[in-house]
């Protein structure tokens, strides 16, 4: 059989059609090795679904291209083993840690939980284990302007 493998096709997440990437040349999201990622990251910064995109890339271990404003190198840094405030390494970091670290700068735990499809308690557990400070109830960090 030479046609498409229709048994293994999965529907892409609904948010993908709302992304800026759907309106731009796909080559932009996959620069040559050593090529600039600046233009793609700038477009991602304006994209309404970039948090969902980044969460998807981290959850599905996307290894190539720009996803949610993060390059492969950026995502690798996000997934590195986090350390506790006392310097004790975490044995098995949750793959959502990098996403929570990024989203915690502007969103509350319940808002992050809604985006990731988990409970607020799970977000709190990951945040505490990784030493990520909580956001203020209004969605801004304490002391932020």
Protein backbone atom coordinates (compact mmCIF):
# COMPACT_ATOMS: atom_id res chain seq x y z
CA UNK A 1 0.00 0.00 0.00
CA UNK A 2 1.59 3.27 -1.14
CA UNK A 3 -1.04 5.71 0.17
CA UNK A 4 -1.07 7.54 3.50
CA UNK A 5 -1.26 5.52 6.69
CA UNK A 6 -4.74 6.67 7.72
CA UNK A 7 -4.82 4.36 10.73
CA UNK A 8 -2.01 6.24 12.49
CA UNK A 9 -2.99 9.82 11.69
CA UNK A 10 -3.87 11.88 14.74
CA UNK A 11 -5.73 15.14 14.63
CA UNK A 12 -3.57 18.14 15.53
CA UNK A 13 -4.60 20.13 18.60
CA UNK A 14 -7.24 22.76 17.87
CA UNK A 15 -5.03 25.67 18.95
CA UNK A 16 -2.62 24.99 16.07
CA UNK A 17 -4.94 26.60 13.54
CA UNK A 18 -4.92 29.82 15.59
CA UNK A 19 -1.13 30.08 15.57
CA UNK A 20 0.81 32.68 13.64
CA UNK A 21 2.90 29.82 12.27
CA UNK A 22 -0.08 28.63 10.20
CA UNK A 23 0.15 31.87 8.19
CA UNK A 24 3.92 31.95 7.59
CA UNK A 25 6.36 29.94 5.50
CA UNK A 26 7.22 26.77 7.48
CA UNK A 27 10.92 27.20 6.65
CA UNK A 28 11.02 30.11 9.12
CA UNK A 29 10.37 27.75 12.05
CA UNK A 30 13.20 25.39 11.09
CA UNK A 31 16.31 27.52 10.48
CA UNK A 32 19.51 25.96 9.20
CA UNK A 33 22.04 24.96 11.85
CA UNK A 34 23.60 28.18 13.11
CA UNK A 35 20.88 30.24 11.43
CA UNK A 36 19.03 33.02 13.21
CA UNK A 37 15.91 32.25 15.23
CA UNK A 38 15.22 35.92 15.95
CA UNK A 39 12.45 36.45 13.37
CA UNK A 40 10.58 33.27 14.34
CA UNK A 41 10.82 34.07 18.06
CA UNK A 42 9.55 37.62 17.42
CA UNK A 43 6.49 36.21 15.63
CA UNK A 44 5.92 33.73 18.45
CA UNK A 45 5.96 36.56 20.98
CA UNK A 46 2.90 38.03 19.23
CA UNK A 47 1.13 34.70 18.82
CA UNK A 48 -1.99 34.17 20.94
CA UNK A 49 -1.29 30.46 21.43
CA UNK A 50 2.45 30.45 22.13
CA UNK A 51 2.05 29.13 25.73
CA UNK A 52 0.03 26.15 24.45
CA UNK A 53 2.58 25.63 21.66
CA UNK A 54 5.50 25.58 24.09
CA UNK A 55 3.66 23.25 26.45
CA UNK A 56 2.95 20.91 23.52
CA UNK A 57 6.58 20.94 22.38
CA UNK A 58 7.86 20.15 25.86
CA UNK A 59 5.26 17.46 26.49
CA UNK A 60 5.92 15.78 23.13
CA UNK A 61 9.70 16.22 23.24
CA UNK A 62 9.84 18.16 19.97
CA UNK A 63 13.50 18.30 19.09
CA UNK A 64 13.53 20.50 16.01
CA UNK A 65 12.31 23.96 15.14
CA UNK A 66 10.91 26.90 17.03
CA UNK A 67 7.92 26.07 19.22
CA UNK A 68 6.21 28.60 21.47
CA UNK A 69 9.05 31.06 21.04
CA UNK A 70 11.69 28.57 22.14
CA UNK A 71 14.40 26.93 20.07
CA UNK A 72 15.60 23.37 20.57
CA UNK A 73 18.40 24.73 22.78
CA UNK A 74 15.94 26.85 24.81
CA UNK A 75 13.65 23.87 25.37
CA UNK A 76 16.59 21.70 26.36
CA UNK A 77 17.55 24.27 29.01
CA UNK A 78 13.96 24.32 30.28
CA UNK A 79 13.96 20.56 30.70
CA UNK A 80 17.33 20.32 32.47
CA UNK A 81 17.26 18.94 35.94
CA UNK A 82 16.02 21.64 38.26
CA UNK A 83 17.59 22.11 41.65
CA UNK A 84 15.92 22.80 44.95
CA UNK A 85 16.69 26.10 46.69
CA UNK A 86 19.06 24.23 49.04
CA UNK A 87 20.99 22.92 46.03
CA UNK A 88 19.69 19.35 46.32
CA UNK A 89 19.03 17.99 42.83
CA UNK A 90 15.55 16.77 41.99
CA UNK A 91 15.68 13.09 41.07
CA UNK A 92 13.06 13.04 38.32
CA UNK A 93 12.01 16.50 37.14
CA UNK A 94 8.51 16.81 35.77
CA UNK A 95 8.59 17.60 32.02
CA UNK A 96 6.15 20.47 32.66
CA UNK A 97 8.62 22.34 34.89
CA UNK A 98 9.96 24.57 32.10
CA UNK A 99 6.47 25.53 30.99
CA UNK A 100 5.40 26.28 34.56
CA UNK A 101 8.55 28.36 35.08
CA UNK A 102 7.67 30.48 32.03
CA UNK A 103 3.94 30.77 32.71
CA UNK A 104 4.40 31.53 36.43
CA UNK A 105 5.71 34.97 35.55
CA UNK A 106 2.26 36.09 34.40
CA UNK A 107 -0.34 33.49 35.40
CA UNK A 108 -1.69 32.09 38.66
CA UNK A 109 -1.48 28.39 39.49
CA UNK A 110 -5.14 27.73 38.52
CA UNK A 111 -4.59 29.47 35.16
CA UNK A 112 -1.44 27.42 34.53
CA UNK A 113 -3.29 24.24 35.49
CA UNK A 114 -6.04 25.09 33.00
CA UNK A 115 -3.51 25.52 30.19
CA UNK A 116 -1.66 22.31 31.01
CA UNK A 117 -4.76 20.24 31.74
CA UNK A 118 -3.75 19.33 35.28
CA UNK A 119 -4.80 20.35 38.79
CA UNK A 120 -3.66 23.47 40.65
CA UNK A 121 -2.21 21.15 43.27
CA UNK A 122 -0.02 19.50 40.62
CA UNK A 123 1.23 22.92 39.51
CA UNK A 124 1.96 23.80 43.14
CA UNK A 125 3.85 20.53 43.67
CA UNK A 126 5.99 21.03 40.55
CA UNK A 127 6.59 24.69 41.39
CA UNK A 128 7.73 23.89 44.94
CA UNK A 129 9.95 20.97 43.85
CA UNK A 130 11.66 23.19 41.27
CA UNK A 131 11.97 26.30 43.41
CA UNK A 132 9.71 28.38 41.17
CA UNK A 133 8.26 31.30 43.16
CA UNK A 134 4.47 31.67 43.15
CA UNK A 135 2.71 34.37 41.18
CA UNK A 136 0.58 36.95 43.00
CA UNK A 137 -3.17 36.22 42.95
CA UNK A 138 -3.67 38.93 40.28
CA UNK A 139 -1.34 37.03 37.97
CA UNK A 140 1.72 39.22 38.64
CA UNK A 141 4.62 38.34 40.85
CA UNK A 142 4.85 39.98 44.21
CA UNK A 143 6.98 43.09 43.93
CA UNK A 144 6.44 43.36 40.16
CA UNK A 145 5.37 46.68 38.74
